[in-house]
Amino acid sequence: MYISKGQLQDPAGPQDWVIRKNYYATYLLLKDSALTQQLCASPAVSALLNQRVDRFKQSDHCKDLSCFLEAFKWKDSEIELLAEQISSQTKANRKLAGLVESALMPSKAYGIPRDETAKVYLKKALLQDFGAMNYVVDVYGGGKKPNYPKIDSISFDVNRKAYLQLLDDIRQDVLKDIPTGKEALFMTMMTAVRLLEVNERWDAAQLEPLITLENKKAFEQVKKTDFSAYPYSLLLTLGAGPEIYGQPISPGGMLRARMAARSYFEKLAPFVVLSGGRVHPYKTAYIEAIEMKKYLMNVMGVPEQAILIDPHARHTTTNLRNTARILLNYGFPKDKFAIVNSSKVHIDAVEKMADRCIRELGYVPYSLGKRISDVVIEFRAREEAFIIDPDEPLDP
């Protein structure tokens, strides 16, 4: 996500990072309680939120999974009413309009603003947020299959009676955070976040803030680099997830890291991006980008200030998207191509990946240049890369 000067400071902890990355519009409201109170004061919204709290509290009588899911989620009619009622207030509420125009729209998190008004953009954002919260409840509360079941599925057997007790414990915990109708705008969001937590799926928050932690040295080096001395701005190295549980880095990951090191020492690019999250095999303890970084430094001798990591991507599409975000956020020259390296078969797939990006992300976050070898192809970042993917809560 694009972060401009004057926007909110970094989230205080992992829960806020998960919220900010997945539900940015709602996060902005969460961090301004006075504004939220104003927006929820109308009779229609107030009545809806009071009913929302009552439905949630009454789930203490639930005897089956569907009862809990109905209590935890927004109803479609509630989503539409809330999004319309809140976004309509941009005309009269200067603070809300200013927040949308200075933070929400520049983030490009819900699409690149073109001729949209603040009202239209905010309504689109809230509709997406509320729907995305419901999606998490369905997948990580109800056991619905996610886009990639082998790596992203729920951690529990939803048919066990003990699981219903866990859901009731979550219900009680959320009520401690959201005790009255005044805060109920965030009730489903907090339930979704708690479900992600108990499923050990706060991946979106891992190693954040990257710029001041793992990527700090390289981020500072970007400002000092003479990019005219290099053919390319950076080299993205695609990973190859281990297939054996407990294996930190796969043989393919080692070989691709070696390939990246050669390109770095040949001065093709001054920076290497290692992209890969905590993905393969299911519920692995290892973050692929971190393990490849260790290999690149300890075995290949690449200095840390030349290495950037993306520890969140779970697919080739998001390897490219997240690196595009790095290119746009970290101060890289916009008129210079970057390159991506991997195996021949993998680069073949990248060359033909636009349709998959549109199908999974809704847009293509890069534009390709020429293929300079069997294993390397050029690309540039597109601003569409900032757009949140609402059905991938581990790496939105």
Protein backbone atom coordinates (compact mmCIF):
# COMPACT_ATOMS: atom_id res chain seq x y z
CA MET A 1 0.00 0.00 0.00
CA TYR A 2 1.21 3.52 -0.80
CA ILE A 3 2.15 5.49 2.30
CA SER A 4 2.39 9.26 1.81
CA LYS A 5 3.60 11.92 4.21
CA GLY A 6 0.94 13.05 6.64
CA GLN A 7 -0.81 9.68 6.77
CA LEU A 8 -1.11 7.60 9.92
CA GLN A 9 1.95 6.40 11.74
CA ASP A 10 2.84 2.73 11.51
CA PRO A 11 0.41 0.42 13.31
CA ALA A 12 1.28 -0.23 16.93
CA GLY A 13 1.32 -4.01 16.67
CA PRO A 14 0.51 -7.06 14.53
CA GLN A 15 -3.26 -6.84 14.95
CA ASP A 16 -3.30 -3.31 13.57
CA TRP A 17 -1.08 -4.36 10.66
CA VAL A 18 -3.55 -7.13 9.76
CA ILE A 19 -6.44 -4.66 9.91
CA ARG A 20 -4.66 -1.91 8.01
CA LYS A 21 -3.56 -4.16 5.17
CA ASN A 22 -6.90 -5.93 4.76
CA TYR A 23 -9.44 -3.23 5.60
CA TYR A 24 -7.72 0.10 5.13
CA ALA A 25 -10.86 2.25 4.92
CA THR A 26 -12.25 0.73 8.10
CA TYR A 27 -8.84 1.07 9.74
CA LEU A 28 -8.91 4.82 9.14
CA LEU A 29 -12.25 5.02 10.94
CA LEU A 30 -11.04 2.74 13.73
CA LYS A 31 -8.20 5.17 14.44
CA ASP A 32 -10.54 8.16 14.74
CA SER A 33 -13.15 7.30 17.33
CA ALA A 34 -14.60 10.82 17.43
CA LEU A 35 -15.26 10.78 13.70
CA THR A 36 -16.72 7.29 13.87
CA GLN A 37 -19.12 8.37 16.60
CA GLN A 38 -20.34 11.19 14.36
CA LEU A 39 -20.79 8.89 11.38
CA CYS A 40 -22.74 6.31 13.37
CA ALA A 41 -25.02 8.78 15.15
CA SER A 42 -27.83 8.81 12.58
CA PRO A 43 -31.00 6.95 13.65
CA ALA A 44 -30.75 4.45 10.81
CA VAL A 45 -27.12 3.53 11.47
CA SER A 46 -27.53 3.54 15.24
CA ALA A 47 -30.52 1.20 15.06
CA LEU A 48 -28.69 -1.14 12.70
CA LEU A 49 -25.63 -1.33 14.94
CA ASN A 50 -27.71 -1.97 18.06
CA GLN A 51 -29.41 -4.85 16.25
CA ARG A 52 -25.96 -6.04 15.21
CA VAL A 53 -24.81 -6.21 18.82
CA ASP A 54 -28.00 -7.98 19.90
CA ARG A 55 -27.55 -10.64 17.20
CA PHE A 56 -23.97 -11.17 18.28
CA LYS A 57 -24.83 -11.46 21.97
CA GLN A 58 -27.69 -13.86 21.29
CA SER A 59 -25.26 -16.30 19.68
CA ASP A 60 -24.52 -17.56 23.19
CA HIS A 61 -27.45 -19.89 22.51
CA CYS A 62 -25.96 -21.23 19.27
CA LYS A 63 -25.88 -25.02 18.97
CA ASP A 64 -24.44 -25.34 15.48
CA LEU A 65 -21.91 -23.74 13.15
CA SER A 66 -24.37 -21.91 10.92
CA CYS A 67 -25.82 -20.08 13.91
CA PHE A 68 -22.39 -18.70 14.85
CA LEU A 69 -21.59 -17.71 11.27
CA GLU A 70 -24.86 -15.81 10.92
CA ALA A 71 -24.11 -13.92 14.13
CA PHE A 72 -20.52 -13.16 13.19
CA LYS A 73 -21.12 -11.85 9.66
CA TRP A 74 -22.69 -8.73 8.23
CA LYS A 75 -25.96 -9.22 6.38
CA ASP A 76 -25.99 -8.02 2.78
CA SER A 77 -28.66 -5.45 3.62
CA GLU A 78 -26.52 -4.14 6.50
CA ILE A 79 -23.48 -3.79 4.27
CA GLU A 80 -25.35 -1.76 1.69
CA LEU A 81 -27.04 0.49 4.22
CA LEU A 82 -23.85 1.19 6.20
CA ALA A 83 -21.72 1.89 3.14
CA GLU A 84 -24.35 4.27 1.73
CA GLN A 85 -25.10 6.05 5.01
CA ILE A 86 -21.45 6.60 5.93
CA SER A 87 -20.20 7.58 2.47
CA SER A 88 -23.10 10.02 2.02
CA GLN A 89 -21.72 12.06 4.91
CA THR A 90 -18.63 13.13 2.92
CA LYS A 91 -20.69 16.07 1.60
CA ALA A 92 -21.42 17.54 5.04
CA ASN A 93 -18.57 16.21 7.15
CA ARG A 94 -15.36 18.00 6.21
CA LYS A 95 -13.22 15.77 8.39
CA LEU A 96 -14.49 12.66 6.64
CA ALA A 97 -14.06 14.21 3.20
CA GLY A 98 -10.54 15.27 4.12
CA LEU A 99 -9.66 11.78 5.32
CA VAL A 100 -10.90 10.22 2.09
CA GLU A 101 -9.16 12.78 -0.11
CA SER A 102 -5.84 12.93 1.77
CA ALA A 103 -5.39 9.31 2.87
CA LEU A 104 -7.85 6.86 1.34
CA MET A 105 -7.82 7.91 -2.30
CA PRO A 106 -4.03 8.52 -2.49
CA SER A 107 -3.47 5.02 -1.10
CA LYS A 108 -4.97 3.58 -4.33
CA ALA A 109 -5.93 0.61 -2.15
CA TYR A 110 -9.37 0.36 -3.77
CA GLY A 111 -8.41 1.30 -7.29
CA ILE A 112 -6.72 4.26 -8.92
CA PRO A 113 -9.05 7.26 -8.47
CA ARG A 114 -10.10 8.75 -11.76
CA ASP A 115 -13.29 10.80 -11.88
CA GLU A 116 -14.75 9.36 -8.67
CA THR A 117 -16.02 11.60 -5.91
CA ALA A 118 -14.99 11.04 -2.31
CA LYS A 119 -18.43 9.55 -1.65
CA VAL A 120 -18.20 7.03 -4.48
CA TYR A 121 -14.66 5.98 -3.58
CA LEU A 122 -15.46 5.59 0.14
CA LYS A 123 -18.60 3.57 -0.55
CA LYS A 124 -16.67 1.23 -2.85
CA ALA A 125 -14.03 0.80 -0.17
CA LEU A 126 -16.50 0.05 2.62
CA LEU A 127 -18.45 -2.42 0.51
CA GLN A 128 -15.19 -4.25 -0.18
CA ASP A 129 -14.09 -4.17 3.46
CA PHE A 130 -17.34 -5.53 4.86
CA GLY A 131 -17.47 -8.26 2.23
CA ALA A 132 -13.83 -9.19 2.91
CA MET A 133 -14.57 -9.52 6.63
CA ASN A 134 -17.40 -11.94 5.84
CA TYR A 135 -15.05 -13.91 3.60
CA VAL A 136 -12.63 -14.47 6.50
CA VAL A 137 -15.47 -15.58 8.77
CA ASP A 138 -16.61 -18.08 6.13
CA VAL A 139 -13.10 -19.49 5.50
CA TYR A 140 -11.45 -19.32 8.92
CA GLY A 141 -14.62 -19.72 10.95
CA GLY A 142 -16.82 -21.86 8.74
CA GLY A 143 -14.25 -23.94 6.88
CA LYS A 144 -15.17 -22.74 3.40
CA LYS A 145 -12.46 -23.56 0.87
CA PRO A 146 -10.13 -20.62 0.17
CA ASN A 147 -8.62 -19.96 -3.25
CA TYR A 148 -5.71 -22.31 -2.48
CA PRO A 149 -6.98 -24.98 -0.04
CA LYS A 150 -3.70 -26.91 0.18
CA ILE A 151 -1.86 -23.99 1.79
CA ASP A 152 -4.51 -21.64 3.19
CA SER A 153 -7.27 -23.77 4.72
CA ILE A 154 -8.73 -23.54 8.22
CA SER A 155 -6.75 -25.21 11.02
CA PHE A 156 -9.71 -26.86 12.73
CA ASP A 157 -12.28 -29.61 12.24
CA VAL A 158 -15.48 -27.57 12.20
CA ASN A 159 -17.57 -30.68 12.90
CA ARG A 160 -16.18 -31.21 16.40
CA LYS A 161 -18.24 -30.02 19.37
CA ALA A 162 -15.10 -28.56 20.92
CA TYR A 163 -14.86 -26.23 17.93
CA LEU A 164 -18.21 -24.66 18.76
CA GLN A 165 -16.84 -23.87 22.21
CA LEU A 166 -13.87 -22.14 20.57
CA LEU A 167 -16.25 -19.99 18.53
CA ASP A 168 -18.14 -19.07 21.68
CA ASP A 169 -14.84 -18.11 23.33
CA ILE A 170 -14.10 -15.86 20.33
CA ARG A 171 -17.58 -14.34 20.65
CA GLN A 172 -16.97 -13.52 24.31
CA ASP A 173 -13.54 -12.06 23.56
CA VAL A 174 -14.90 -9.78 20.83
CA LEU A 175 -17.62 -8.54 23.19
CA LYS A 176 -14.86 -7.32 25.52
CA ASP A 177 -13.58 -5.13 22.68
CA ILE A 178 -17.00 -4.21 21.28
CA PRO A 179 -19.35 -4.01 24.29
CA THR A 180 -21.99 -1.63 22.90
CA GLY A 181 -23.61 -0.51 19.67
CA LYS A 182 -21.33 2.54 19.55
CA GLU A 183 -18.39 0.34 18.51
CA ALA A 184 -20.37 -2.28 16.58
CA LEU A 185 -19.15 -0.93 13.24
CA PHE A 186 -16.00 -2.95 14.00
CA MET A 187 -17.64 -6.10 15.38
CA THR A 188 -17.32 -8.32 12.32
CA MET A 189 -13.83 -6.99 11.64
CA MET A 190 -12.63 -7.89 15.13
CA THR A 191 -14.21 -11.32 14.80
CA ALA A 192 -12.42 -11.88 11.49
CA VAL A 193 -9.10 -10.78 12.97
CA ARG A 194 -9.56 -13.07 15.97
CA LEU A 195 -10.34 -16.00 13.66
CA LEU A 196 -7.17 -15.31 11.68
CA GLU A 197 -5.22 -15.22 14.93
CA VAL A 198 -6.44 -18.54 16.32
CA ASN A 199 -5.76 -20.10 12.92
CA GLU A 200 -2.18 -18.76 13.16
CA ARG A 201 -2.83 -16.69 10.05
CA TRP A 202 -1.59 -13.23 10.90
CA ASP A 203 0.87 -13.59 8.01
CA ALA A 204 0.06 -10.12 6.68
CA ALA A 205 1.70 -8.64 9.79
CA GLN A 206 4.86 -10.74 9.88
CA LEU A 207 8.13 -8.78 10.00
CA GLU A 208 6.34 -5.43 9.69
CA PRO A 209 7.35 -2.66 9.47
CA LEU A 210 9.75 -3.90 6.80
CA ILE A 211 11.22 -0.50 5.98
CA THR A 212 12.49 0.03 9.51
CA LEU A 213 13.40 -3.59 10.22
CA GLU A 214 14.46 -6.24 7.68
CA ASN A 215 14.65 -3.85 4.71
CA LYS A 216 16.12 -0.87 6.54
CA LYS A 217 19.71 -1.14 5.27
CA ALA A 218 18.68 -1.65 1.65
CA PHE A 219 15.99 1.04 1.85
CA GLU A 220 18.61 3.55 3.01
CA GLN A 221 21.00 2.34 0.30
CA VAL A 222 18.42 3.03 -2.43
CA LYS A 223 18.73 6.77 -1.68
CA LYS A 224 22.51 6.63 -2.23
CA THR A 225 22.55 4.50 -5.38
CA ASP A 226 23.49 5.77 -8.83
CA PHE A 227 21.05 3.72 -10.88
CA SER A 228 22.54 5.00 -14.15
CA ALA A 229 25.50 2.68 -13.50
CA TYR A 230 23.27 -0.42 -13.84
CA PRO A 231 21.16 -1.82 -16.68
CA TYR A 232 18.30 -2.62 -14.28
CA SER A 233 16.96 -1.20 -11.01
CA LEU A 234 16.54 -4.50 -9.16
CA LEU A 235 16.40 -8.24 -9.61
CA LEU A 236 13.41 -10.17 -8.28
CA THR A 237 14.20 -13.78 -7.48
CA LEU A 238 11.21 -16.12 -7.41
CA GLY A 239 11.29 -18.83 -4.79
CA ALA A 240 10.60 -22.53 -4.87
CA GLY A 241 8.82 -23.62 -1.72
CA PRO A 242 10.07 -26.70 0.16
CA GLU A 243 7.99 -29.86 -0.10
CA ILE A 244 9.40 -31.43 3.08
CA TYR A 245 8.07 -30.18 6.41
CA GLY A 246 10.86 -28.67 8.50
CA GLN A 247 13.07 -27.89 5.48
CA PRO A 248 14.05 -24.18 5.61
CA ILE A 249 15.00 -23.77 1.95
CA SER A 250 14.44 -26.04 -1.03
CA PRO A 251 17.08 -27.12 -3.56
CA GLY A 252 15.32 -24.94 -6.12
CA GLY A 253 15.47 -21.99 -3.74
CA MET A 254 19.20 -22.45 -3.33
CA LEU A 255 19.79 -22.59 -7.08
CA ARG A 256 17.68 -19.50 -7.76
CA ALA A 257 19.52 -17.63 -5.00
CA ARG A 258 22.80 -18.60 -6.67
CA MET A 259 21.47 -17.31 -9.96
CA ALA A 260 20.54 -14.02 -8.30
CA ALA A 261 23.99 -13.69 -6.73
CA ARG A 262 25.68 -14.14 -10.11
CA SER A 263 23.52 -11.41 -11.62
CA TYR A 264 24.25 -9.12 -8.67
CA PHE A 265 28.02 -9.57 -8.89
CA GLU A 266 27.84 -9.09 -12.66
CA LYS A 267 26.26 -5.68 -11.82
CA LEU A 268 23.04 -6.27 -13.70
CA ALA A 269 21.19 -4.60 -10.80
CA PRO A 270 22.21 -3.04 -7.47
CA PHE A 271 19.47 -4.76 -5.45
CA VAL A 272 17.99 -8.24 -5.12
CA VAL A 273 14.41 -8.81 -3.96
CA LEU A 274 13.66 -12.19 -2.38
CA SER A 275 9.94 -12.86 -2.40
CA GLY A 276 8.09 -15.62 -0.59
CA GLY A 277 6.03 -16.00 2.56
CA ARG A 278 5.30 -18.74 5.08
CA VAL A 279 3.65 -20.96 2.50
CA HIS A 280 5.00 -24.43 1.65
CA PRO A 281 4.36 -26.94 3.04
CA TYR A 282 1.08 -26.24 4.86
CA LYS A 283 1.63 -24.31 8.12
CA THR A 284 5.40 -24.29 7.74
CA ALA A 285 7.33 -22.34 10.36
CA TYR A 286 9.75 -20.92 7.78
CA ILE A 287 9.43 -17.70 5.79
CA GLU A 288 10.93 -18.38 2.37
CA ALA A 289 12.28 -14.87 1.79
CA ILE A 290 14.15 -14.91 5.11
CA GLU A 291 15.73 -18.30 4.42
CA MET A 292 16.80 -17.22 0.94
CA LYS A 293 18.24 -14.01 2.41
CA LYS A 294 20.32 -16.06 4.85
CA TYR A 295 21.58 -18.19 1.97
CA LEU A 296 22.39 -15.19 -0.19
CA MET A 297 24.36 -13.53 2.61
CA ASN A 298 26.01 -16.48 4.34
CA VAL A 299 26.74 -18.71 1.35
CA MET A 300 26.97 -16.34 -1.60
CA GLY A 301 28.38 -13.28 0.13
CA VAL A 302 25.83 -10.72 -1.08
CA PRO A 303 25.81 -7.75 1.35
CA GLU A 304 22.67 -7.11 3.37
CA GLN A 305 22.31 -3.55 2.07
CA ALA A 306 21.75 -5.03 -1.40
CA ILE A 307 18.94 -7.37 -0.30
CA LEU A 308 15.25 -6.54 0.05
CA ILE A 309 12.71 -9.09 1.16
CA ASP A 310 9.00 -9.55 0.56
CA PRO A 311 8.00 -12.07 3.26
CA HIS A 312 4.31 -12.11 2.35
CA ALA A 313 3.79 -13.33 -1.23
CA ARG A 314 2.16 -16.74 -1.57
CA HIS A 315 1.98 -17.02 -5.37
CA THR A 316 3.88 -15.93 -8.46
CA THR A 317 1.24 -13.27 -9.10
CA THR A 318 1.90 -11.69 -5.72
CA ASN A 319 5.68 -12.09 -6.04
CA LEU A 320 5.39 -9.62 -8.92
CA ARG A 321 2.72 -7.47 -7.28
CA ASN A 322 4.55 -7.08 -3.97
CA THR A 323 7.83 -6.30 -5.71
CA ALA A 324 5.97 -3.70 -7.77
CA ARG A 325 4.86 -2.16 -4.47
CA ILE A 326 8.50 -2.08 -3.32
CA LEU A 327 9.56 -0.41 -6.56
CA LEU A 328 6.87 2.25 -6.13
CA ASN A 329 7.28 2.79 -2.39
CA TYR A 330 11.03 2.65 -1.90
CA GLY A 331 12.15 5.35 -4.32
CA PHE A 332 13.35 3.30 -7.29
CA PRO A 333 13.53 5.11 -10.67
CA LYS A 334 10.21 4.72 -12.47
CA ASP A 335 11.72 4.90 -15.96
CA LYS A 336 13.99 1.89 -15.49
CA PHE A 337 13.11 -1.77 -15.95
CA ALA A 338 13.58 -4.32 -13.20
CA ILE A 339 14.18 -8.00 -13.97
CA VAL A 340 12.85 -11.25 -12.57
CA ASN A 341 14.75 -14.52 -12.58
CA SER A 342 13.74 -18.13 -11.98
CA SER A 343 13.75 -21.45 -13.81
CA LYS A 344 12.91 -21.51 -17.52
CA VAL A 345 9.53 -23.10 -16.83
CA HIS A 346 8.73 -20.49 -14.21
CA ILE A 347 9.66 -17.57 -16.47
CA ASP A 348 7.58 -19.18 -19.25
CA ALA A 349 4.65 -18.96 -16.82
CA VAL A 350 5.41 -15.34 -15.93
CA GLU A 351 5.42 -14.43 -19.61
CA LYS A 352 1.86 -15.74 -19.92
CA MET A 353 0.56 -14.76 -16.48
CA ALA A 354 -1.58 -11.69 -17.27
CA ASP A 355 -4.85 -13.64 -17.49
CA ARG A 356 -4.13 -15.34 -14.17
CA CYS A 357 -3.46 -11.95 -12.55
CA ILE A 358 -6.77 -10.58 -13.81
CA ARG A 359 -8.57 -13.70 -12.61
CA GLU A 360 -6.98 -13.72 -9.13
CA LEU A 361 -6.16 -10.05 -8.45
CA GLY A 362 -8.52 -8.24 -10.79
CA TYR A 363 -5.68 -6.43 -12.57
CA VAL A 364 -2.12 -6.86 -13.85
CA PRO A 365 0.36 -5.20 -11.44
CA TYR A 366 3.27 -5.03 -13.89
CA SER A 367 4.13 -4.55 -17.53
CA LEU A 368 6.65 -6.90 -19.13
CA GLY A 369 9.59 -5.93 -21.27
CA LYS A 370 11.78 -8.24 -23.30
CA ARG A 371 12.96 -11.67 -22.25
CA ILE A 372 16.73 -11.36 -22.01
CA SER A 373 17.40 -15.08 -21.49
CA ASP A 374 15.58 -18.34 -20.81
CA VAL A 375 15.55 -17.52 -17.11
CA VAL A 376 15.27 -13.71 -16.98
CA ILE A 377 12.59 -11.25 -18.15
CA GLU A 378 12.15 -7.48 -17.76
CA PHE A 379 9.21 -5.84 -15.97
CA ARG A 380 8.02 -2.48 -14.69
CA ALA A 381 5.67 -1.70 -11.81
CA ARG A 382 2.16 -0.44 -12.42
CA GLU A 383 0.25 1.61 -9.85
CA GLU A 384 -2.54 -0.97 -9.86
CA ALA A 385 -0.23 -2.99 -7.62
CA PHE A 386 -1.44 -0.94 -4.63
CA ILE A 387 -4.98 -2.36 -4.87
CA ILE A 388 -6.00 -4.66 -1.99
CA ASP A 389 -6.95 -8.25 -2.84
CA PRO A 390 -9.98 -8.82 -0.58
CA ASP A 391 -10.04 -12.62 -0.77
CA GLU A 392 -6.40 -13.19 0.22
CA PRO A 393 -6.28 -12.05 3.87
CA LEU A 394 -2.82 -13.52 4.47
CA ASP A 395 -1.33 -11.23 1.81
CA PRO A 396 -3.88 -8.68 0.67
